[in-house]
Amino acid sequence: MTYDLIIISQSKGDLIKVTQNCINSIRKENAETNIIVVETGDNYPYRVDTIVRYEGEFNYNRALNLGLQYAKSGYQVLCNNDIIFHPGWSRMGDIMKANDYLSASALSNDQRQRLCKRGDICYEGYIIGLHLTGWCIFTSKDLWPVIGKLNEKHKFWFSDNIYAEQLKAQNIKHALICNIRVDHLGSQTLQKQPRHIQQLYTYSQGRATREFKSLR
């Protein structure tokens, strides 16, 4: 299996190490990868396949859509820079193919998944933080002709809610795969922002989600 790993990065101060740790964890696996860093901060010479410069007001899904323009593999991994991939993560494509999943998440350290059984188990659903983890989503290249690009309604929070709605609209199943593991270090970039910026990209996005659902 081949993978495009699209990492949203903001290279400032300690956050450079956060992005580099993510890249390092990816490369511990003997997998064919195309690593794409979408850079929203300062220029930093990561040793990856492509660095894409993001300009303008930040929008999470727009940044991912920009990175997807450089995708060329069978599977894409859409992720924050504060993700650590555990050994064995590259088996995800085989599992998705065997189960006809075009979209999936890996088990993580999130408390919302604490009751999920480990092992060869798949939980299908769209509950954010449980089945669908917006900080790290695995997709098949066959997904994109069906749903088109990611909806850019939100700046940051609730971008995964909108993605879930895009899947539901096309009757595409999403699953939590419990024998693949990633760790999410938890909003490392967001926590570095001023409080008013944190508010703008988080709770204030909820209204737009409700409006989107009311239009369906």
Protein backbone atom coordinates (compact mmCIF):
# COMPACT_ATOMS: atom_id res chain seq x y z
CA MET A 1 0.00 0.00 0.00
CA THR A 2 1.09 3.57 -0.68
CA TYR A 3 0.14 6.55 1.45
CA ASP A 4 -0.03 10.31 1.13
CA LEU A 5 0.37 11.83 4.60
CA ILE A 6 -0.96 15.37 4.67
CA ILE A 7 0.19 17.16 7.82
CA ILE A 8 -1.09 20.59 8.81
CA SER A 9 1.81 22.41 10.46
CA GLN A 10 2.53 25.77 12.06
CA SER A 11 6.29 25.98 12.39
CA LYS A 12 6.94 28.39 15.23
CA GLY A 13 9.17 27.71 18.23
CA ASP A 14 8.41 24.42 19.98
CA LEU A 15 5.83 23.50 17.33
CA ILE A 16 8.65 22.68 14.90
CA LYS A 17 9.56 19.73 17.11
CA VAL A 18 5.90 18.67 17.27
CA THR A 19 5.73 18.41 13.48
CA GLN A 20 9.13 16.70 13.27
CA ASN A 21 8.09 14.09 15.86
CA CYS A 22 5.03 13.30 13.76
CA ILE A 23 7.19 12.86 10.65
CA ASN A 24 9.67 10.70 12.55
CA SER A 25 6.93 8.38 13.80
CA ILE A 26 5.65 7.93 10.25
CA ARG A 27 9.10 6.96 9.00
CA LYS A 28 9.66 4.31 11.63
CA GLU A 29 7.31 2.19 9.55
CA ASN A 30 8.65 0.47 6.43
CA ALA A 31 5.98 1.90 4.19
CA GLU A 32 5.88 3.71 0.86
CA THR A 33 4.93 7.26 1.78
CA ASN A 34 4.50 10.64 0.16
CA ILE A 35 4.71 13.16 3.02
CA ILE A 36 3.11 16.54 2.36
CA VAL A 37 3.45 19.32 4.94
CA VAL A 38 0.98 22.19 4.57
CA GLU A 39 2.80 25.02 6.32
CA THR A 40 0.80 27.79 7.99
CA GLY A 41 3.70 29.20 10.04
CA ASP A 42 7.30 30.07 9.31
CA ASN A 43 9.27 28.35 6.59
CA TYR A 44 11.16 25.34 7.92
CA PRO A 45 13.12 22.84 5.81
CA TYR A 46 11.52 19.55 6.85
CA ARG A 47 12.92 16.63 4.87
CA VAL A 48 9.67 15.57 3.27
CA ASP A 49 8.39 15.09 -0.28
CA THR A 50 6.46 18.36 -0.54
CA ILE A 51 6.04 21.51 1.54
CA VAL A 52 3.02 23.56 0.54
CA ARG A 53 2.78 27.17 1.68
CA TYR A 54 -0.65 28.11 3.06
CA GLU A 55 -1.56 31.77 2.70
CA GLY A 56 -4.48 33.76 4.09
CA GLU A 57 -6.84 33.21 7.01
CA PHE A 58 -6.54 29.71 8.39
CA ASN A 59 -9.17 27.13 7.48
CA TYR A 60 -8.45 23.52 8.41
CA ASN A 61 -10.25 21.78 5.57
CA ARG A 62 -8.96 24.30 3.04
CA ALA A 63 -5.44 23.45 4.17
CA LEU A 64 -6.17 19.74 3.73
CA ASN A 65 -7.70 20.36 0.30
CA LEU A 66 -4.53 22.20 -0.67
CA GLY A 67 -2.42 19.23 0.42
CA LEU A 68 -4.70 16.79 -1.39
CA GLN A 69 -3.78 18.47 -4.67
CA TYR A 70 -0.35 16.81 -4.29
CA ALA A 71 -1.69 13.35 -3.43
CA LYS A 72 -0.72 10.48 -5.72
CA SER A 73 -1.16 7.33 -3.63
CA GLY A 74 -3.84 4.75 -3.00
CA TYR A 75 -4.58 6.05 0.49
CA GLN A 76 -4.44 9.44 2.16
CA VAL A 77 -3.91 10.24 5.84
CA LEU A 78 -5.25 13.64 6.86
CA CYS A 79 -3.70 14.68 10.15
CA ASN A 80 -2.70 17.29 12.67
CA ASN A 81 0.99 17.75 13.36
CA ASP A 82 0.48 16.54 16.97
CA ILE A 83 -0.02 12.88 15.98
CA ILE A 84 2.34 10.03 16.85
CA PHE A 85 1.88 6.94 14.67
CA HIS A 86 2.44 3.57 16.34
CA PRO A 87 4.23 0.70 14.54
CA GLY A 88 1.87 -1.15 12.24
CA TRP A 89 -0.10 1.91 11.15
CA SER A 90 0.52 1.14 7.46
CA ARG A 91 -1.66 -1.99 7.66
CA MET A 92 -4.65 0.34 7.64
CA GLY A 93 -4.97 0.30 3.85
CA ASP A 94 -5.17 -3.49 3.76
CA ILE A 95 -7.84 -3.49 6.47
CA MET A 96 -9.87 -0.81 4.71
CA LYS A 97 -9.66 -2.66 1.40
CA ALA A 98 -10.68 -5.98 2.97
CA ASN A 99 -13.75 -4.37 4.56
CA ASP A 100 -14.67 -1.99 1.72
CA TYR A 101 -14.10 1.13 3.83
CA LEU A 102 -13.30 4.36 2.04
CA SER A 103 -12.89 6.23 5.33
CA ALA A 104 -11.54 5.12 8.70
CA SER A 105 -9.90 6.19 11.95
CA ALA A 106 -7.38 4.46 14.19
CA LEU A 107 -7.76 3.79 17.88
CA SER A 108 -6.14 6.54 19.95
CA ASN A 109 -5.50 7.73 23.48
CA ASP A 110 -8.75 9.73 23.53
CA GLN A 111 -10.89 8.97 26.60
CA ARG A 112 -14.01 8.74 24.43
CA GLN A 113 -12.59 5.48 23.02
CA ARG A 114 -11.66 3.94 26.37
CA LEU A 115 -14.43 1.31 26.22
CA CYS A 116 -13.57 0.19 22.68
CA LYS A 117 -12.09 -3.28 22.54
CA ARG A 118 -8.56 -3.64 21.20
CA GLY A 119 -7.79 -6.09 18.41
CA ASP A 120 -9.33 -7.07 15.09
CA ILE A 121 -12.52 -5.11 15.66
CA CYS A 122 -14.17 -2.39 13.58
CA TYR A 123 -16.80 -0.05 15.01
CA GLU A 124 -18.84 1.61 12.27
CA GLY A 125 -20.33 5.03 12.88
CA TYR A 126 -19.90 8.79 12.69
CA ILE A 127 -19.67 9.95 16.31
CA ILE A 128 -16.92 12.55 16.51
CA GLY A 129 -14.08 11.57 18.82
CA LEU A 130 -15.32 8.00 19.01
CA HIS A 131 -15.66 6.58 15.51
CA LEU A 132 -14.41 9.58 13.56
CA THR A 133 -11.29 11.32 14.87
CA GLY A 134 -10.84 14.57 13.01
CA TRP A 135 -7.19 14.85 13.99
CA CYS A 136 -6.27 11.75 11.94
CA ILE A 137 -8.46 10.35 9.17
CA PHE A 138 -7.48 7.60 6.72
CA THR A 139 -9.14 7.71 3.31
CA SER A 140 -9.04 5.79 0.05
CA LYS A 141 -8.37 7.67 -3.15
CA ASP A 142 -11.73 6.28 -4.33
CA LEU A 143 -13.51 8.50 -1.80
CA TRP A 144 -12.76 11.81 -3.43
CA PRO A 145 -14.59 11.34 -6.76
CA VAL A 146 -17.70 10.55 -4.69
CA ILE A 147 -17.73 13.38 -2.13
CA GLY A 148 -15.60 15.96 -3.91
CA LYS A 149 -13.27 18.15 -1.86
CA LEU A 150 -13.67 18.69 1.88
CA ASN A 151 -16.32 21.21 2.83
CA GLU A 152 -14.68 24.47 3.99
CA LYS A 153 -17.62 25.85 5.98
CA HIS A 154 -15.67 25.94 9.26
CA LYS A 155 -12.35 27.44 10.17
CA PHE A 156 -11.28 24.59 12.50
CA TRP A 157 -13.52 22.89 15.07
CA PHE A 158 -16.47 21.00 13.60
CA SER A 159 -14.63 20.47 10.31
CA ASP A 160 -14.88 16.75 11.10
CA ASN A 161 -18.64 17.09 11.74
CA ILE A 162 -19.06 18.48 8.24
CA TYR A 163 -16.92 15.66 6.84
CA ALA A 164 -19.21 13.15 8.58
CA GLU A 165 -22.20 14.83 6.94
CA GLN A 166 -20.48 14.54 3.55
CA LEU A 167 -20.04 10.78 4.13
CA LYS A 168 -23.62 10.30 5.27
CA ALA A 169 -24.97 12.18 2.26
CA GLN A 170 -23.36 9.58 -0.02
CA ASN A 171 -24.05 6.56 2.25
CA ILE A 172 -20.34 5.99 2.77
CA LYS A 173 -19.44 3.97 5.87
CA HIS A 174 -16.77 5.12 8.28
CA ALA A 175 -15.14 2.83 10.84
CA LEU A 176 -12.88 2.93 13.87
CA ILE A 177 -10.19 0.29 13.31
CA CYS A 178 -9.01 -1.04 16.67
CA ASN A 179 -5.80 -2.83 15.75
CA ILE A 180 -4.21 0.36 14.39
CA ARG A 181 -3.07 2.95 16.93
CA VAL A 182 -2.14 6.62 16.87
CA ASP A 183 -1.66 9.02 19.78
CA HIS A 184 -3.11 12.53 19.66
CA LEU A 185 -1.10 14.91 21.83
CA GLY A 186 -4.03 17.31 21.99
CA SER A 187 -4.32 20.69 20.23
CA GLN A 188 -0.64 21.54 20.56
CA THR A 189 -0.85 24.28 17.94
CA LEU A 190 -4.19 25.68 19.08
CA GLN A 191 -2.98 26.11 22.65
CA LYS A 192 -0.20 28.42 21.42
CA GLN A 193 -2.73 30.91 19.99
CA PRO A 194 -4.17 33.98 21.78
CA ARG A 195 -7.44 33.28 23.61
CA HIS A 196 -9.60 35.24 21.14
CA ILE A 197 -8.16 33.19 18.26
CA GLN A 198 -8.84 29.95 20.14
CA GLN A 199 -12.46 31.03 20.62
CA LEU A 200 -12.79 31.94 16.94
CA TYR A 201 -11.63 28.52 15.75
CA THR A 202 -13.44 26.40 18.34
CA TYR A 203 -16.79 27.03 20.04
CA SER A 204 -17.88 29.83 17.73
CA GLN A 205 -17.99 27.32 14.87
CA GLY A 206 -20.89 25.38 16.41
CA ARG A 207 -23.57 27.67 15.01
CA ALA A 208 -22.37 27.06 11.46
CA THR A 209 -22.68 23.31 12.04
CA ARG A 210 -26.30 23.64 13.13
CA GLU A 211 -27.06 25.86 10.13
CA PHE A 212 -25.45 23.32 7.76
CA LYS A 213 -27.59 20.47 9.14
CA SER A 214 -30.77 22.54 8.86
CA LEU A 215 -30.18 22.94 5.14
CA ARG A 216 -30.02 19.20 4.48
